[in-house]
Amino acid sequence: MNDDDLGLLGGHRDDHHRDDHHRDDHHRDDHHPGAGGSRYFDDPDRAAPARFEATARRPRRAEARRAQERRTRARRKRRTGTLVAVVVLLVLGGGVFLGGRALLGGLGIGGSTASDYSGGGLADVVVRVAAGDSTSAIAKTLVDDGVVSSVPAFTRAASGNAGISAIQPGYYKLRTQIPGSDAVSRLLASDSRVGNLVIPEGVQLDDVTGASGTVTDGILTRMQKASCVDLDGTRTCTSLDDLRSVASTGNLAALGVPTWATAEVAAATVPGKRLEGLIRPGSYDLEPGAPAQQQLTKVVTASAASFESLGLPRSTVGGLTPYQVLVTASLVQREALPADFAKVSRVVYNRLAVNQKLEFDSTVNYPLDVQAIATTAADRGTVTPWNTYASPGLPATPISAPSDDALTAAEQPADGTWLYFVTIDTRGTTVFSDTFPEHQAAIARAQANGVFG
């Protein structure tokens, strides 16, 4: 009910009162004709006497006062309700804001002022950067591993740093609870990356000792060394003995040996050599200290995928199986320079086609403790699963880790009728011949140049 409503009701009451008075006027006029003299009765439009006016206004003022009290109470209720709603919204909104701010800050979104660690850290830890990781993804990993306090702590420090943008996937040794700027510096330090295995072209599973006494690490030794890490003064490595044991006896399917090679690998008469050639040259990331089975499975599985991409499983050149093509590639790798790979590959296929022994010194050297370019007659006469002087055909297994170029040459040999080749100088010049007399002449040139005696 508003003021207009009250005023309207009050006006109705005045009308009723006035009607009553008018009736009194007529009544008195009827009983006192010509009385006159009374201003009230003579002029009804003039104000009523004060006595009547006070009596008439008393109910209206009481009603107005009660209406005003009702409006006051209603306003108080509305103000109280509004105040409560505002307080609730502020509490809930503040919680959402603070919670949202914490969440966004943790994700590196918005202008978070998340705290950062200080000092040199608590303990050594190894973290993994996955292929394709963004700066924010790296930061999330560092938070999960306890290295930095928050995503923004790292992303702010890494902002605009080209080194972080180009960081290689792999394992890195850091410290827990360090400032974001320190984490950036440590990730980019030359000695921070651990577990990185590099396998050169042409190496073998086992170590090789040259005629001069120099030892070339084999693949297994390289894996063992790459797996080592020092954490707070304690050195942890994958055992070399375990690597050799798994390579010799591990389940071939569990190791990731491709199906196109399984039968021939299983038939190897020297178990320690059965994985030869199945681990490709290249770079691998090993988890430091992980079990030997895990390490070998990783590199063999990755190698199988690489062979697949190069088309090896579908290679049947010269009637050979894919595995035999791989063996041929390993011979090409050890017998020639890249410029002559395709020609040497053709010599292999030509000799196999006429059932002529390959007679490659590399196959004689393969199982020897000490290897030399010029083999002895005794070595050449010793029968082994690989000696192509002593036995016809291909070696039982590959004799090295062939490069992509060597594998391509084995899959796509050059056109030619050559049956012989020999390197005639120290620059690696190789002469290819169709006949044995031509080959003998080339050997004489090599001797004259001091290539071998």
Protein backbone atom coordinates (compact mmCIF):
# COMPACT_ATOMS: atom_id res chain seq x y z
CA MET A 1 0.00 0.00 0.00
CA ASN A 2 1.52 3.34 -1.03
CA ASP A 3 0.93 6.91 -0.01
CA ASP A 4 -1.53 7.48 -2.83
CA ASP A 5 -3.63 4.59 -1.61
CA LEU A 6 -3.73 6.04 1.89
CA GLY A 7 -4.64 9.43 0.60
CA LEU A 8 -7.47 8.00 -1.51
CA LEU A 9 -8.99 6.17 1.48
CA GLY A 10 -8.66 9.21 3.61
CA GLY A 11 -10.54 11.23 1.00
CA HIS A 12 -13.43 8.79 1.02
CA ARG A 13 -13.73 9.13 4.75
CA ASP A 14 -13.91 12.92 4.41
CA ASP A 15 -16.73 12.55 1.91
CA HIS A 16 -18.70 10.38 4.27
CA HIS A 17 -18.20 12.84 7.12
CA ARG A 18 -19.21 15.70 4.95
CA ASP A 19 -22.38 13.89 3.92
CA ASP A 20 -23.21 13.43 7.60
CA HIS A 21 -22.69 17.09 8.27
CA HIS A 22 -24.80 18.01 5.31
CA ARG A 23 -27.53 15.85 6.71
CA ASP A 24 -27.15 17.73 10.03
CA ASP A 25 -27.40 21.01 8.20
CA HIS A 26 -30.64 20.06 6.58
CA HIS A 27 -31.93 18.67 9.83
CA ARG A 28 -31.18 21.86 11.68
CA ASP A 29 -32.55 24.00 8.91
CA ASP A 30 -35.73 22.02 9.04
CA HIS A 31 -36.09 22.51 12.77
CA HIS A 32 -34.81 26.07 12.92
CA PRO A 33 -36.00 27.84 9.81
CA GLY A 34 -34.48 31.23 9.36
CA ALA A 35 -32.18 30.72 12.30
CA GLY A 36 -29.23 31.99 10.25
CA GLY A 37 -26.26 33.62 11.92
CA SER A 38 -24.14 30.42 11.90
CA ARG A 39 -21.24 30.69 9.47
CA TYR A 40 -20.88 26.88 9.35
CA PHE A 41 -24.40 26.23 8.33
CA ASP A 42 -24.62 29.29 6.13
CA ASP A 43 -21.37 28.42 4.17
CA PRO A 44 -20.61 24.62 3.96
CA ASP A 45 -17.46 25.23 1.86
CA ARG A 46 -15.68 26.96 4.67
CA ALA A 47 -13.44 25.06 7.11
CA ALA A 48 -15.03 23.01 9.87
CA PRO A 49 -14.52 24.09 13.42
CA ALA A 50 -11.24 22.97 15.00
CA ARG A 51 -13.05 20.56 17.32
CA PHE A 52 -14.55 18.60 14.44
CA GLU A 53 -11.35 18.80 12.36
CA ALA A 54 -9.28 17.15 15.12
CA THR A 55 -11.86 14.43 15.56
CA ALA A 56 -11.96 13.69 11.80
CA ARG A 57 -8.16 13.57 11.31
CA ARG A 58 -7.33 11.26 14.23
CA PRO A 59 -8.16 7.97 12.36
CA ARG A 60 -6.31 9.09 9.24
CA ARG A 61 -3.12 9.91 11.12
CA ALA A 62 -3.18 6.57 12.96
CA GLU A 63 -3.64 4.67 9.70
CA ALA A 64 -0.84 6.66 8.03
CA ARG A 65 1.44 5.98 10.96
CA ARG A 66 0.74 2.24 10.79
CA ALA A 67 1.36 2.25 7.00
CA GLN A 68 4.64 4.09 7.51
CA GLU A 69 5.71 1.52 10.11
CA ARG A 70 4.88 -1.29 7.67
CA ARG A 71 6.95 0.36 4.93
CA THR A 72 9.87 0.85 7.32
CA ARG A 73 9.79 -2.80 8.37
CA ALA A 74 9.62 -3.90 4.71
CA ARG A 75 12.59 -1.71 3.79
CA ARG A 76 14.59 -3.15 6.69
CA LYS A 77 13.80 -6.71 5.55
CA ARG A 78 14.83 -5.91 1.98
CA ARG A 79 18.07 -4.31 3.12
CA THR A 80 18.89 -7.27 5.38
CA GLY A 81 18.17 -9.76 2.57
CA THR A 82 20.27 -7.80 0.11
CA LEU A 83 23.13 -7.56 2.58
CA VAL A 84 23.05 -11.33 3.21
CA ALA A 85 23.01 -12.06 -0.54
CA VAL A 86 25.95 -9.73 -1.13
CA VAL A 87 27.94 -11.37 1.66
CA VAL A 88 27.22 -14.86 0.28
CA LEU A 89 28.21 -13.81 -3.24
CA LEU A 90 31.38 -12.21 -1.96
CA VAL A 91 32.31 -15.35 -0.04
CA LEU A 92 31.49 -17.70 -2.90
CA GLY A 93 32.92 -15.39 -5.52
CA GLY A 94 36.07 -14.92 -3.49
CA GLY A 95 36.49 -18.67 -3.20
CA VAL A 96 35.96 -19.12 -6.92
CA PHE A 97 38.38 -16.30 -7.65
CA LEU A 98 41.06 -17.61 -5.33
CA GLY A 99 40.54 -21.21 -6.41
CA GLY A 100 40.44 -20.24 -10.07
CA ARG A 101 43.49 -18.10 -9.64
CA ALA A 102 45.35 -20.98 -8.04
CA LEU A 103 44.24 -23.33 -10.79
CA LEU A 104 45.15 -20.96 -13.59
CA GLY A 105 48.41 -20.16 -11.88
CA GLY A 106 49.22 -23.84 -11.66
CA LEU A 107 48.54 -24.18 -15.37
CA GLY A 108 50.60 -21.15 -16.23
CA ILE A 109 47.55 -19.13 -17.38
CA GLY A 110 46.95 -15.53 -16.46
CA GLY A 111 49.03 -13.19 -14.39
CA SER A 112 49.82 -15.53 -11.54
CA THR A 113 52.32 -14.43 -8.94
CA ALA A 114 52.98 -17.98 -7.76
CA SER A 115 55.93 -18.31 -5.41
CA ASP A 116 59.31 -19.62 -6.57
CA TYR A 117 61.87 -21.74 -4.77
CA SER A 118 65.21 -20.30 -3.73
CA GLY A 119 68.54 -21.92 -3.02
CA GLY A 120 70.45 -24.81 -4.51
CA GLY A 121 67.82 -27.52 -4.14
CA LEU A 122 67.44 -30.63 -2.00
CA ALA A 123 68.31 -33.74 -4.02
CA ASP A 124 69.32 -34.94 -7.48
CA VAL A 125 66.50 -36.16 -9.70
CA VAL A 126 66.15 -37.36 -13.30
CA VAL A 127 63.30 -35.90 -15.35
CA ARG A 128 62.12 -36.83 -18.82
CA VAL A 129 61.35 -34.41 -21.64
CA ALA A 130 59.10 -36.17 -24.13
CA ALA A 131 59.20 -35.61 -27.86
CA GLY A 132 57.04 -32.63 -28.82
CA ASP A 133 56.78 -31.22 -25.27
CA SER A 134 55.96 -27.51 -25.15
CA THR A 135 57.49 -25.21 -22.55
CA SER A 136 54.31 -25.51 -20.47
CA ALA A 137 54.40 -29.31 -20.72
CA ILE A 138 58.03 -29.34 -19.56
CA ALA A 139 57.05 -27.05 -16.70
CA LYS A 140 54.23 -29.40 -15.67
CA THR A 141 56.69 -32.32 -15.61
CA LEU A 142 59.10 -30.30 -13.46
CA VAL A 143 56.30 -29.47 -11.02
CA ASP A 144 55.24 -33.13 -10.83
CA ASP A 145 58.85 -34.19 -10.16
CA GLY A 146 59.30 -31.57 -7.45
CA VAL A 147 61.88 -29.52 -9.35
CA VAL A 148 60.05 -26.16 -9.51
CA SER A 149 57.25 -24.78 -7.36
CA SER A 150 54.79 -23.96 -10.15
CA VAL A 151 54.33 -23.83 -13.88
CA PRO A 152 54.65 -20.01 -14.00
CA ALA A 153 57.91 -20.19 -12.02
CA PHE A 154 59.44 -22.04 -14.95
CA THR A 155 57.61 -20.51 -17.92
CA ARG A 156 58.46 -16.97 -16.78
CA ALA A 157 62.15 -17.89 -16.56
CA ALA A 158 62.07 -19.70 -19.92
CA SER A 159 60.17 -16.98 -21.78
CA GLY A 160 62.03 -15.97 -24.93
CA ASN A 161 64.78 -18.56 -24.40
CA ALA A 162 65.50 -20.19 -27.75
CA GLY A 163 67.40 -23.02 -26.06
CA ILE A 164 64.33 -24.26 -24.21
CA SER A 165 62.28 -24.08 -27.39
CA ALA A 166 64.83 -26.31 -29.13
CA ILE A 167 65.55 -28.71 -26.26
CA GLN A 168 65.94 -32.33 -27.29
CA PRO A 169 63.71 -35.06 -25.86
CA GLY A 170 65.41 -37.29 -23.34
CA TYR A 171 66.41 -37.55 -19.69
CA TYR A 172 67.96 -34.70 -17.72
CA LYS A 173 69.58 -34.59 -14.30
CA LEU A 174 68.29 -31.69 -12.17
CA ARG A 175 67.73 -30.85 -8.51
CA THR A 176 64.49 -30.77 -6.57
CA GLN A 177 63.12 -27.46 -5.25
CA ILE A 178 65.18 -25.03 -7.30
CA PRO A 179 64.21 -21.64 -8.77
CA GLY A 180 62.69 -21.62 -12.23
CA SER A 181 65.72 -19.79 -13.63
CA ASP A 182 68.03 -22.49 -12.26
CA ALA A 183 65.89 -25.19 -13.84
CA VAL A 184 66.23 -23.47 -17.21
CA SER A 185 70.00 -23.18 -16.84
CA ARG A 186 70.42 -26.79 -15.73
CA LEU A 187 68.30 -28.16 -18.57
CA LEU A 188 70.50 -26.33 -21.06
CA ALA A 189 73.81 -27.27 -19.43
CA SER A 190 75.99 -29.51 -21.61
CA ASP A 191 76.35 -32.15 -18.88
CA SER A 192 72.71 -32.29 -17.76
CA ARG A 193 71.44 -34.79 -20.32
CA VAL A 194 71.73 -38.41 -19.22
CA GLY A 195 70.75 -41.73 -20.76
CA ASN A 196 71.59 -40.69 -24.32
CA LEU A 197 72.86 -43.62 -26.37
CA VAL A 198 74.57 -42.99 -29.72
CA ILE A 199 75.29 -46.01 -31.91
CA PRO A 200 77.68 -45.31 -34.81
CA GLU A 201 77.44 -47.05 -38.16
CA GLY A 202 79.32 -50.32 -38.50
CA VAL A 203 79.83 -51.18 -34.80
CA GLN A 204 79.18 -54.64 -33.39
CA LEU A 205 77.32 -55.86 -30.31
CA ASP A 206 80.61 -56.64 -28.55
CA ASP A 207 83.78 -54.59 -28.10
CA VAL A 208 86.44 -54.79 -30.81
CA THR A 209 90.19 -54.56 -30.23
CA GLY A 210 92.26 -53.32 -33.15
CA ALA A 211 95.76 -54.36 -34.13
CA SER A 212 97.13 -51.31 -32.29
CA GLY A 213 95.36 -52.30 -29.10
CA THR A 214 92.68 -49.62 -29.37
CA VAL A 215 89.32 -50.83 -28.10
CA THR A 216 86.14 -49.78 -29.86
CA ASP A 217 83.14 -50.08 -27.59
CA GLY A 218 80.40 -52.37 -28.82
CA ILE A 219 76.68 -51.64 -28.65
CA LEU A 220 76.16 -53.39 -25.30
CA THR A 221 79.00 -51.49 -23.64
CA ARG A 222 77.67 -48.23 -25.05
CA MET A 223 74.24 -49.04 -23.64
CA GLN A 224 75.72 -49.78 -20.21
CA LYS A 225 77.67 -46.52 -20.15
CA ALA A 226 74.70 -44.47 -21.38
CA SER A 227 72.52 -45.91 -18.61
CA CYS A 228 74.73 -44.60 -15.80
CA VAL A 229 73.87 -41.59 -13.62
CA ASP A 230 75.29 -40.13 -10.40
CA LEU A 231 72.56 -39.10 -7.95
CA ASP A 232 73.78 -37.42 -4.77
CA GLY A 233 77.09 -39.26 -4.96
CA THR A 234 75.67 -42.68 -5.78
CA ARG A 235 76.33 -44.09 -9.26
CA THR A 236 73.59 -46.20 -10.80
CA CYS A 237 73.96 -48.17 -14.06
CA THR A 238 72.28 -50.97 -15.94
CA SER A 239 74.43 -54.07 -15.53
CA LEU A 240 76.54 -55.05 -18.57
CA ASP A 241 76.29 -58.68 -17.56
CA ASP A 242 72.50 -58.38 -17.47
CA LEU A 243 72.49 -56.80 -20.93
CA ARG A 244 74.56 -59.66 -22.32
CA SER A 245 72.36 -62.25 -20.61
CA VAL A 246 69.10 -60.77 -21.92
CA ALA A 247 70.58 -60.39 -25.42
CA SER A 248 71.53 -64.07 -25.37
CA THR A 249 68.49 -65.64 -23.70
CA GLY A 250 65.62 -63.16 -23.63
CA ASN A 251 62.32 -63.93 -25.32
CA LEU A 252 62.57 -62.65 -28.90
CA ALA A 253 58.98 -61.44 -29.12
CA ALA A 254 59.27 -59.65 -25.76
CA LEU A 255 62.47 -57.98 -26.98
CA GLY A 256 60.69 -56.66 -30.06
CA VAL A 257 62.51 -58.74 -32.68
CA PRO A 258 60.48 -58.33 -35.92
CA THR A 259 58.61 -61.38 -37.16
CA TRP A 260 60.49 -61.40 -40.48
CA ALA A 261 63.72 -62.08 -38.57
CA THR A 262 62.50 -64.33 -35.75
CA ALA A 263 63.18 -67.74 -37.32
CA GLU A 264 66.72 -66.94 -38.40
CA VAL A 265 67.58 -65.18 -35.14
CA ALA A 266 66.27 -68.16 -33.15
CA ALA A 267 68.48 -70.47 -35.23
CA ALA A 268 71.70 -68.64 -34.34
CA THR A 269 74.28 -71.10 -33.03
CA VAL A 270 76.08 -68.45 -30.94
CA PRO A 271 73.38 -66.95 -28.66
CA GLY A 272 75.47 -63.91 -27.76
CA LYS A 273 75.52 -62.85 -31.42
CA ARG A 274 71.86 -63.45 -32.28
CA LEU A 275 70.80 -59.78 -32.01
CA GLU A 276 73.66 -58.58 -34.21
CA GLY A 277 72.45 -56.18 -36.90
CA LEU A 278 68.99 -55.78 -35.38
CA ILE A 279 69.93 -52.61 -33.49
CA ARG A 280 70.16 -49.70 -35.86
CA PRO A 281 72.75 -46.90 -35.77
CA GLY A 282 71.29 -43.73 -34.32
CA SER A 283 70.37 -41.94 -31.10
CA TYR A 284 68.29 -43.47 -28.32
CA ASP A 285 67.22 -42.28 -24.87
CA LEU A 286 67.62 -44.85 -22.10
CA GLU A 287 66.15 -44.40 -18.66
CA PRO A 288 69.19 -44.34 -16.37
CA GLY A 289 69.50 -47.47 -14.27
CA ALA A 290 66.49 -49.22 -15.83
CA PRO A 291 66.52 -53.06 -16.11
CA ALA A 292 68.40 -54.63 -19.02
CA GLN A 293 65.19 -56.09 -20.49
CA GLN A 294 63.64 -52.62 -20.69
CA GLN A 295 66.74 -51.10 -22.26
CA LEU A 296 67.14 -53.75 -24.95
CA THR A 297 63.43 -53.86 -25.74
CA LYS A 298 63.45 -50.13 -26.33
CA VAL A 299 66.28 -50.13 -28.85
CA VAL A 300 65.26 -53.33 -30.66
CA THR A 301 61.64 -52.19 -30.97
CA ALA A 302 62.66 -48.76 -32.25
CA SER A 303 65.04 -50.41 -34.73
CA ALA A 304 62.29 -52.70 -36.02
CA ALA A 305 60.11 -49.66 -36.70
CA SER A 306 63.02 -48.05 -38.55
CA PHE A 307 63.53 -51.14 -40.71
CA GLU A 308 59.84 -51.10 -41.52
CA SER A 309 60.02 -47.46 -42.65
CA LEU A 310 62.95 -48.35 -44.92
CA GLY A 311 61.00 -51.18 -46.53
CA LEU A 312 63.26 -54.02 -45.38
CA PRO A 313 60.46 -56.48 -44.57
CA ARG A 314 59.43 -56.39 -48.23
CA SER A 315 62.96 -56.74 -49.65
CA THR A 316 63.64 -60.04 -51.45
CA VAL A 317 66.49 -59.03 -53.77
CA GLY A 318 68.16 -61.95 -55.57
CA GLY A 319 65.80 -64.40 -53.92
CA LEU A 320 67.10 -63.53 -50.44
CA THR A 321 64.92 -63.22 -47.36
CA PRO A 322 64.65 -59.81 -45.67
CA TYR A 323 67.01 -61.04 -42.95
CA GLN A 324 69.59 -62.08 -45.58
CA VAL A 325 69.29 -58.64 -47.18
CA LEU A 326 70.14 -57.21 -43.74
CA VAL A 327 73.17 -59.53 -43.56
CA THR A 328 74.26 -58.28 -47.00
CA ALA A 329 73.93 -54.67 -45.84
CA SER A 330 76.20 -55.42 -42.88
CA LEU A 331 78.87 -56.79 -45.24
CA VAL A 332 78.61 -53.76 -47.50
CA GLN A 333 79.02 -51.50 -44.43
CA ARG A 334 82.28 -53.17 -43.39
CA GLU A 335 83.81 -53.75 -46.83
CA ALA A 336 83.49 -50.41 -48.62
CA LEU A 337 83.17 -46.66 -48.48
CA PRO A 338 79.68 -45.19 -49.05
CA ALA A 339 80.51 -44.21 -52.64
CA ASP A 340 81.06 -47.89 -53.48
CA PHE A 341 78.25 -49.43 -51.42
CA ALA A 342 75.98 -50.23 -54.37
CA LYS A 343 78.83 -51.82 -56.38
CA VAL A 344 79.96 -54.03 -53.48
CA SER A 345 76.35 -55.05 -53.00
CA ARG A 346 76.26 -56.15 -56.63
CA VAL A 347 79.43 -58.23 -56.16
CA VAL A 348 77.73 -60.07 -53.29
CA TYR A 349 74.68 -60.91 -55.37
CA ASN A 350 76.78 -61.89 -58.39
CA ARG A 351 78.91 -64.31 -56.35
CA LEU A 352 75.92 -65.82 -54.62
CA ALA A 353 74.28 -66.33 -58.00
CA VAL A 354 77.22 -68.47 -59.23
CA ASN A 355 77.82 -70.14 -55.86
CA GLN A 356 81.22 -68.52 -55.47
CA LYS A 357 82.59 -67.93 -51.97
CA LEU A 358 82.47 -64.31 -50.89
CA GLU A 359 85.90 -64.44 -49.20
CA PHE A 360 85.50 -61.18 -47.26
CA ASP A 361 88.14 -60.44 -44.63
CA SER A 362 85.49 -58.67 -42.58
CA THR A 363 83.72 -62.00 -42.03
CA VAL A 364 86.96 -63.59 -40.83
CA ASN A 365 87.62 -60.73 -38.42
CA TYR A 366 84.12 -60.59 -36.94
CA PRO A 367 84.50 -63.18 -34.13
CA LEU A 368 88.19 -62.49 -33.43
CA ASP A 369 89.37 -60.90 -30.19
CA VAL A 370 91.82 -58.75 -32.17
CA GLN A 371 90.89 -57.59 -35.66
CA ALA A 372 93.22 -56.43 -38.45
CA ILE A 373 92.67 -55.32 -42.03
CA ALA A 374 94.92 -58.07 -43.35
CA THR A 375 93.86 -61.44 -41.98
CA THR A 376 96.23 -64.38 -41.57
CA ALA A 377 96.00 -67.64 -43.47
CA ALA A 378 95.26 -69.42 -40.22
CA ASP A 379 92.36 -67.09 -39.51
CA ARG A 380 91.01 -67.49 -43.01
CA GLY A 381 91.14 -71.26 -42.66
CA THR A 382 89.24 -71.37 -39.36
CA VAL A 383 85.63 -72.39 -39.81
CA THR A 384 83.15 -70.14 -37.99
CA PRO A 385 79.48 -69.34 -38.63
CA TRP A 386 80.72 -66.16 -40.35
CA ASN A 387 83.97 -67.00 -42.19
CA THR A 388 83.16 -66.68 -45.92
CA TYR A 389 86.60 -67.99 -46.86
CA ALA A 390 85.86 -71.28 -45.13
CA SER A 391 82.20 -71.63 -46.14
CA PRO A 392 80.07 -70.56 -49.12
CA GLY A 393 77.10 -68.28 -48.87
CA LEU A 394 76.30 -65.51 -46.42
CA PRO A 395 77.41 -65.37 -42.79
CA ALA A 396 74.95 -66.79 -40.24
CA THR A 397 74.14 -63.31 -38.85
CA PRO A 398 74.92 -59.71 -39.74
CA ILE A 399 78.44 -58.65 -38.75
CA SER A 400 77.71 -54.98 -37.95
CA ALA A 401 75.02 -52.34 -37.57
CA PRO A 402 74.50 -51.18 -41.18
CA SER A 403 73.74 -47.58 -42.06
CA ASP A 404 70.75 -46.43 -44.08
CA ASP A 405 72.99 -46.08 -47.14
CA ALA A 406 74.32 -49.62 -46.78
CA LEU A 407 70.81 -50.96 -46.36
CA THR A 408 69.62 -49.06 -49.42
CA ALA A 409 72.56 -50.45 -51.41
CA ALA A 410 71.64 -53.99 -50.33
CA GLU A 411 68.07 -53.40 -51.44
CA GLN A 412 69.06 -51.67 -54.66
CA PRO A 413 72.44 -52.97 -55.89
CA ALA A 414 74.15 -51.29 -58.82
CA ASP A 415 73.99 -52.85 -62.26
CA GLY A 416 77.21 -54.69 -63.19
CA THR A 417 78.97 -58.00 -63.76
CA TRP A 418 81.76 -57.57 -61.21
CA LEU A 419 82.92 -60.50 -59.15
CA TYR A 420 85.95 -58.91 -57.47
CA PHE A 421 86.99 -55.67 -55.79
CA VAL A 422 90.01 -54.44 -53.85
CA THR A 423 91.05 -51.15 -52.29
CA ILE A 424 94.31 -50.05 -53.86
CA ASP A 425 95.39 -46.98 -51.84
CA THR A 426 95.03 -45.27 -48.48
CA ARG A 427 92.44 -42.86 -49.89
CA GLY A 428 90.01 -45.76 -50.29
CA THR A 429 90.10 -46.05 -54.06
CA THR A 430 88.47 -49.36 -55.01
CA VAL A 431 88.92 -51.28 -58.24
CA PHE A 432 86.11 -53.61 -59.43
CA SER A 433 86.91 -56.49 -61.79
CA ASP A 434 84.97 -59.09 -63.75
CA THR A 435 87.81 -61.68 -63.98
CA PHE A 436 90.35 -63.07 -61.57
CA PRO A 437 93.42 -61.95 -63.64
CA GLU A 438 92.09 -58.39 -63.57
CA HIS A 439 91.65 -58.73 -59.84
CA GLN A 440 95.23 -60.00 -59.37
CA ALA A 441 96.54 -56.95 -61.22
CA ALA A 442 94.57 -54.70 -58.86
CA ILE A 443 95.99 -56.54 -55.84
CA ALA A 444 99.50 -55.92 -57.11
CA ARG A 445 98.76 -52.20 -57.25
CA ALA A 446 97.47 -52.29 -53.70
CA GLN A 447 100.64 -54.03 -52.50
CA ALA A 448 102.77 -51.52 -54.29
CA ASN A 449 100.91 -48.74 -52.50
CA GLY A 450 101.51 -50.38 -49.14
CA VAL A 451 97.84 -51.09 -48.47
CA PHE A 452 98.72 -54.64 -47.40
CA GLY A 453 101.66 -57.03 -47.72
